Amino acid sequence: MPREKKIQPQETKRELPPEELLQDLGDLFKVFGDTTRIRIMYALYEGEMSVMAISELLGMTQPAISHQLKTLKAANLVAGRRQGKTIFYYLSDEHVKSIIAAGYEHLTEE
């Protein structure tokens, strides 16, 4: 079994990212801490959907979905495109998909 390298406290402190970045990272993970938002992101994992389609899929009201989408958009996890009067929402980039996939894999691995 390999021996772990002992790290001195002063070395660890120098390697930490700036406090503001760590705060932002914590805030990002707080957004993932809500089951409704996770359900919405999971629904958008395969592609874009309207608020109406998401609300039907999740069995929730459109205002409730819209409220959560606002939070997801503010965190840059979800984006939208307008087509006529309808906005279609989608996961903002591959990083969001990776976070969801990694979390799911972590929970389902044996």
N, C-alpha and C. Protein backbone atom coordinates (compact mmCIF):
# COMPACT_ATOMS: atom_id res chain seq x y z
N MET A 1 0.85 -1.17 0.00
CA MET A 1 0.00 0.00 0.00
C MET A 1 0.90 1.24 0.00
N PRO A 2 0.69 2.18 -0.96
CA PRO A 2 1.54 3.38 -1.00
C PRO A 2 1.29 4.29 0.19
N ARG A 3 2.36 4.93 0.63
CA ARG A 3 2.24 5.87 1.75
C ARG A 3 1.73 7.20 1.23
N GLU A 4 0.86 7.81 2.01
CA GLU A 4 0.34 9.13 1.66
C GLU A 4 1.36 10.19 1.98
N LYS A 5 1.49 11.15 1.09
CA LYS A 5 2.39 12.28 1.32
C LYS A 5 1.75 13.20 2.34
N LYS A 6 2.51 13.56 3.37
CA LYS A 6 2.00 14.49 4.36
C LYS A 6 2.15 15.91 3.82
N ILE A 7 1.05 16.63 3.82
CA ILE A 7 1.06 18.01 3.33
C ILE A 7 1.03 18.94 4.52
N GLN A 8 1.92 19.88 4.51
CA GLN A 8 1.96 20.87 5.57
C GLN A 8 0.82 21.87 5.37
N PRO A 9 0.21 22.38 6.45
CA PRO A 9 -0.90 23.34 6.33
C PRO A 9 -0.58 24.53 5.43
N GLN A 10 0.63 25.07 5.52
CA GLN A 10 0.96 26.23 4.69
C GLN A 10 0.97 25.87 3.21
N GLU A 11 1.33 24.63 2.85
CA GLU A 11 1.31 24.19 1.46
C GLU A 11 -0.13 24.09 0.96
N THR A 12 -1.01 23.56 1.78
CA THR A 12 -2.41 23.41 1.41
C THR A 12 -3.04 24.78 1.15
N LYS A 13 -2.78 25.73 2.01
CA LYS A 13 -3.37 27.06 1.87
C LYS A 13 -2.94 27.70 0.55
N ARG A 14 -1.71 27.52 0.15
CA ARG A 14 -1.23 28.10 -1.10
C ARG A 14 -1.89 27.46 -2.31
N GLU A 15 -2.33 26.22 -2.20
CA GLU A 15 -2.91 25.52 -3.33
C GLU A 15 -4.41 25.75 -3.48
N LEU A 16 -5.05 26.34 -2.49
CA LEU A 16 -6.48 26.59 -2.56
C LEU A 16 -6.78 27.70 -3.55
N PRO A 17 -7.87 27.54 -4.30
CA PRO A 17 -8.30 28.63 -5.19
C PRO A 17 -8.74 29.83 -4.35
N PRO A 18 -8.90 30.98 -4.97
CA PRO A 18 -9.35 32.17 -4.23
C PRO A 18 -10.70 31.92 -3.55
N GLU A 19 -10.89 32.53 -2.40
CA GLU A 19 -12.11 32.35 -1.60
C GLU A 19 -13.37 32.66 -2.42
N GLU A 20 -13.33 33.71 -3.24
CA GLU A 20 -14.50 34.09 -4.05
C GLU A 20 -14.89 32.97 -5.01
N LEU A 21 -13.90 32.32 -5.61
CA LEU A 21 -14.18 31.21 -6.51
C LEU A 21 -14.78 30.02 -5.76
N LEU A 22 -14.26 29.75 -4.59
CA LEU A 22 -14.81 28.66 -3.77
C LEU A 22 -16.24 28.96 -3.34
N GLN A 23 -16.53 30.22 -3.02
CA GLN A 23 -17.90 30.64 -2.67
C GLN A 23 -18.83 30.42 -3.86
N ASP A 24 -18.37 30.81 -5.05
CA ASP A 24 -19.18 30.61 -6.26
C ASP A 24 -19.43 29.13 -6.53
N LEU A 25 -18.42 28.30 -6.28
CA LEU A 25 -18.57 26.86 -6.46
C LEU A 25 -19.60 26.31 -5.48
N GLY A 26 -19.54 26.76 -4.25
CA GLY A 26 -20.53 26.34 -3.25
C GLY A 26 -21.94 26.75 -3.65
N ASP A 27 -22.06 27.98 -4.17
CA ASP A 27 -23.38 28.47 -4.62
C ASP A 27 -23.90 27.63 -5.79
N LEU A 28 -23.00 27.24 -6.70
CA LEU A 28 -23.41 26.40 -7.82
C LEU A 28 -23.97 25.07 -7.32
N PHE A 29 -23.27 24.45 -6.37
CA PHE A 29 -23.74 23.17 -5.86
C PHE A 29 -25.03 23.31 -5.06
N LYS A 30 -25.29 24.46 -4.48
CA LYS A 30 -26.58 24.69 -3.81
C LYS A 30 -27.73 24.60 -4.81
N VAL A 31 -27.51 25.07 -6.02
CA VAL A 31 -28.54 25.00 -7.05
C VAL A 31 -28.87 23.53 -7.35
N PHE A 32 -27.86 22.69 -7.32
CA PHE A 32 -28.06 21.25 -7.55
C PHE A 32 -28.72 20.57 -6.35
N GLY A 33 -28.85 21.28 -5.23
CA GLY A 33 -29.40 20.70 -4.01
C GLY A 33 -30.91 20.64 -3.95
N ASP A 34 -31.59 21.05 -5.00
CA ASP A 34 -33.05 21.05 -5.02
C ASP A 34 -33.55 19.96 -5.98
N THR A 35 -34.37 19.05 -5.48
CA THR A 35 -34.85 17.93 -6.27
C THR A 35 -35.63 18.37 -7.50
N THR A 36 -36.43 19.40 -7.38
CA THR A 36 -37.20 19.88 -8.54
C THR A 36 -36.26 20.36 -9.63
N ARG A 37 -35.23 21.10 -9.27
CA ARG A 37 -34.29 21.58 -10.28
C ARG A 37 -33.53 20.43 -10.92
N ILE A 38 -33.18 19.42 -10.13
CA ILE A 38 -32.52 18.23 -10.68
C ILE A 38 -33.45 17.53 -11.66
N ARG A 39 -34.72 17.41 -11.30
CA ARG A 39 -35.69 16.76 -12.19
C ARG A 39 -35.81 17.53 -13.52
N ILE A 40 -35.82 18.85 -13.44
CA ILE A 40 -35.90 19.67 -14.65
C ILE A 40 -34.65 19.46 -15.50
N MET A 41 -33.48 19.51 -14.89
CA MET A 41 -32.25 19.32 -15.66
C MET A 41 -32.19 17.92 -16.25
N TYR A 42 -32.66 16.94 -15.50
CA TYR A 42 -32.67 15.57 -16.03
C TYR A 42 -33.63 15.47 -17.22
N ALA A 43 -34.76 16.17 -17.15
CA ALA A 43 -35.71 16.18 -18.27
C ALA A 43 -35.09 16.82 -19.50
N LEU A 44 -34.21 17.79 -19.29
CA LEU A 44 -33.57 18.49 -20.40
C LEU A 44 -32.28 17.81 -20.87
N TYR A 45 -31.91 16.74 -20.23
CA TYR A 45 -30.64 16.06 -20.53
C TYR A 45 -30.54 15.64 -21.99
N GLU A 46 -31.63 15.16 -22.55
CA GLU A 46 -31.60 14.66 -23.93
C GLU A 46 -31.92 15.72 -24.97
N GLY A 47 -32.46 16.86 -24.55
CA GLY A 47 -32.76 17.90 -25.52
C GLY A 47 -33.69 18.95 -24.95
N GLU A 48 -34.03 19.90 -25.80
CA GLU A 48 -34.81 21.04 -25.35
C GLU A 48 -36.29 20.71 -25.19
N MET A 49 -36.91 21.48 -24.30
CA MET A 49 -38.34 21.31 -24.02
C MET A 49 -38.93 22.67 -23.64
N SER A 50 -40.23 22.82 -23.88
CA SER A 50 -40.94 24.02 -23.45
C SER A 50 -41.35 23.87 -21.99
N VAL A 51 -41.74 24.97 -21.38
CA VAL A 51 -42.22 24.94 -20.00
C VAL A 51 -43.43 24.01 -19.90
N MET A 52 -44.32 24.10 -20.87
CA MET A 52 -45.52 23.27 -20.86
C MET A 52 -45.15 21.78 -20.90
N ALA A 53 -44.21 21.41 -21.76
CA ALA A 53 -43.80 20.01 -21.86
C ALA A 53 -43.13 19.54 -20.57
N ILE A 54 -42.29 20.39 -19.98
CA ILE A 54 -41.64 20.03 -18.71
C ILE A 54 -42.68 19.85 -17.62
N SER A 55 -43.64 20.77 -17.55
CA SER A 55 -44.65 20.69 -16.49
C SER A 55 -45.50 19.43 -16.64
N GLU A 56 -45.82 19.05 -17.87
CA GLU A 56 -46.58 17.81 -18.09
C GLU A 56 -45.76 16.59 -17.70
N LEU A 57 -44.49 16.58 -18.10
CA LEU A 57 -43.63 15.44 -17.79
C LEU A 57 -43.44 15.27 -16.29
N LEU A 58 -43.26 16.38 -15.58
CA LEU A 58 -42.99 16.30 -14.14
C LEU A 58 -44.24 16.37 -13.27
N GLY A 59 -45.39 16.62 -13.90
CA GLY A 59 -46.63 16.71 -13.14
C GLY A 59 -46.66 17.91 -12.21
N MET A 60 -46.14 19.03 -12.70
CA MET A 60 -46.09 20.26 -11.90
C MET A 60 -46.73 21.39 -12.69
N THR A 61 -47.03 22.48 -11.99
CA THR A 61 -47.64 23.62 -12.66
C THR A 61 -46.57 24.38 -13.46
N GLN A 62 -47.04 25.09 -14.50
CA GLN A 62 -46.11 25.88 -15.30
C GLN A 62 -45.43 26.99 -14.48
N PRO A 63 -46.17 27.70 -13.59
CA PRO A 63 -45.49 28.71 -12.78
C PRO A 63 -44.38 28.12 -11.90
N ALA A 64 -44.61 26.94 -11.36
CA ALA A 64 -43.58 26.30 -10.53
C ALA A 64 -42.34 25.96 -11.36
N ILE A 65 -42.55 25.47 -12.57
CA ILE A 65 -41.43 25.16 -13.46
C ILE A 65 -40.71 26.45 -13.85
N SER A 66 -41.46 27.47 -14.21
CA SER A 66 -40.86 28.75 -14.61
C SER A 66 -40.01 29.34 -13.48
N HIS A 67 -40.50 29.24 -12.25
CA HIS A 67 -39.75 29.74 -11.10
C HIS A 67 -38.39 29.04 -10.99
N GLN A 68 -38.39 27.73 -11.13
CA GLN A 68 -37.14 26.97 -11.01
C GLN A 68 -36.23 27.23 -12.21
N LEU A 69 -36.81 27.39 -13.40
CA LEU A 69 -36.00 27.69 -14.58
C LEU A 69 -35.28 29.03 -14.43
N LYS A 70 -35.92 29.97 -13.77
CA LYS A 70 -35.29 31.28 -13.53
C LYS A 70 -34.01 31.10 -12.71
N THR A 71 -34.07 30.27 -11.69
CA THR A 71 -32.90 29.99 -10.85
C THR A 71 -31.82 29.27 -11.66
N LEU A 72 -32.24 28.30 -12.47
CA LEU A 72 -31.28 27.55 -13.29
C LEU A 72 -30.62 28.45 -14.33
N LYS A 73 -31.39 29.36 -14.90
CA LYS A 73 -30.82 30.30 -15.87
C LYS A 73 -29.84 31.24 -15.20
N ALA A 74 -30.16 31.72 -14.02
CA ALA A 74 -29.28 32.64 -13.28
C ALA A 74 -27.94 31.98 -12.97
N ALA A 75 -27.95 30.66 -12.80
CA ALA A 75 -26.73 29.91 -12.51
C ALA A 75 -26.03 29.45 -13.79
N ASN A 76 -26.55 29.85 -14.94
CA ASN A 76 -26.01 29.46 -16.26
C ASN A 76 -26.00 27.95 -16.47
N LEU A 77 -26.97 27.27 -15.89
CA LEU A 77 -27.10 25.83 -16.09
C LEU A 77 -28.08 25.51 -17.20
N VAL A 78 -29.00 26.41 -17.46
CA VAL A 78 -30.03 26.24 -18.48
C VAL A 78 -30.07 27.52 -19.32
N ALA A 79 -30.34 27.33 -20.60
CA ALA A 79 -30.52 28.47 -21.51
C ALA A 79 -31.81 28.24 -22.28
N GLY A 80 -32.25 29.24 -23.00
CA GLY A 80 -33.49 29.11 -23.76
C GLY A 80 -33.40 29.78 -25.11
N ARG A 81 -34.24 29.33 -26.02
CA ARG A 81 -34.36 29.97 -27.32
C ARG A 81 -35.84 30.16 -27.61
N ARG A 82 -36.16 31.30 -28.17
CA ARG A 82 -37.55 31.64 -28.45
C ARG A 82 -37.91 31.18 -29.87
N GLN A 83 -39.09 30.57 -29.96
CA GLN A 83 -39.67 30.21 -31.25
C GLN A 83 -41.11 30.69 -31.20
N GLY A 84 -41.38 31.83 -31.82
CA GLY A 84 -42.70 32.43 -31.71
C GLY A 84 -42.92 32.89 -30.29
N LYS A 85 -44.02 32.44 -29.69
CA LYS A 85 -44.32 32.80 -28.30
C LYS A 85 -43.76 31.79 -27.30
N THR A 86 -43.21 30.71 -27.80
CA THR A 86 -42.73 29.63 -26.93
C THR A 86 -41.22 29.71 -26.75
N ILE A 87 -40.78 29.50 -25.52
CA ILE A 87 -39.34 29.40 -25.25
C ILE A 87 -39.01 27.93 -24.98
N PHE A 88 -38.02 27.46 -25.68
CA PHE A 88 -37.55 26.09 -25.49
C PHE A 88 -36.27 26.15 -24.68
N TYR A 89 -36.25 25.40 -23.58
CA TYR A 89 -35.11 25.40 -22.66
C TYR A 89 -34.24 24.18 -22.91
N TYR A 90 -32.96 24.33 -22.61
CA TYR A 90 -32.00 23.24 -22.79
C TYR A 90 -30.84 23.45 -21.80
N LEU A 91 -30.10 22.38 -21.54
CA LEU A 91 -28.92 22.50 -20.68
C LEU A 91 -27.90 23.37 -21.39
N SER A 92 -27.29 24.28 -20.67
CA SER A 92 -26.47 25.31 -21.30
C SER A 92 -25.21 24.80 -21.99
N ASP A 93 -24.62 23.72 -21.48
CA ASP A 93 -23.43 23.18 -22.14
C ASP A 93 -23.14 21.76 -21.67
N GLU A 94 -22.08 21.19 -22.22
CA GLU A 94 -21.71 19.81 -21.90
C GLU A 94 -21.24 19.66 -20.46
N HIS A 95 -20.74 20.73 -19.84
CA HIS A 95 -20.32 20.64 -18.44
C HIS A 95 -21.50 20.27 -17.55
N VAL A 96 -22.65 20.83 -17.82
CA VAL A 96 -23.84 20.55 -17.00
C VAL A 96 -24.21 19.08 -17.16
N LYS A 97 -24.18 18.59 -18.39
CA LYS A 97 -24.46 17.17 -18.62
C LYS A 97 -23.46 16.29 -17.88
N SER A 98 -22.19 16.69 -17.89
CA SER A 98 -21.14 15.91 -17.21
C SER A 98 -21.38 15.84 -15.71
N ILE A 99 -21.78 16.98 -15.12
CA ILE A 99 -22.04 17.00 -13.68
C ILE A 99 -23.19 16.06 -13.33
N ILE A 100 -24.27 16.13 -14.12
CA ILE A 100 -25.43 15.26 -13.87
C ILE A 100 -25.04 13.80 -14.06
N ALA A 101 -24.35 13.50 -15.15
CA ALA A 101 -23.95 12.12 -15.43
C ALA A 101 -23.01 11.59 -14.36
N ALA A 102 -22.05 12.40 -13.92
CA ALA A 102 -21.10 11.95 -12.88
C ALA A 102 -21.82 11.69 -11.56
N GLY A 103 -22.74 12.57 -11.20
CA GLY A 103 -23.51 12.35 -9.96
C GLY A 103 -24.34 11.09 -10.03
N TYR A 104 -25.01 10.88 -11.15
CA TYR A 104 -25.84 9.70 -11.34
C TYR A 104 -24.98 8.44 -11.28
N GLU A 105 -23.85 8.48 -11.97
CA GLU A 105 -22.94 7.33 -11.97
C GLU A 105 -22.43 7.03 -10.57
N HIS A 106 -22.08 8.07 -9.84
CA HIS A 106 -21.58 7.90 -8.47
C HIS A 106 -22.62 7.21 -7.59
N LEU A 107 -23.88 7.60 -7.74
CA LEU A 107 -24.94 7.04 -6.91
C LEU A 107 -25.34 5.62 -7.31
N THR A 108 -25.13 5.27 -8.57
CA THR A 108 -25.60 3.97 -9.04
C THR A 108 -24.48 2.92 -9.17
N GLU A 109 -23.24 3.32 -8.92
CA GLU A 109 -22.16 2.34 -9.02
C GLU A 109 -22.19 1.41 -7.82
N GLU A 110 -21.71 0.23 -8.04
CA GLU A 110 -21.73 -0.77 -6.95
C GLU A 110 -20.41 -0.85 -6.26
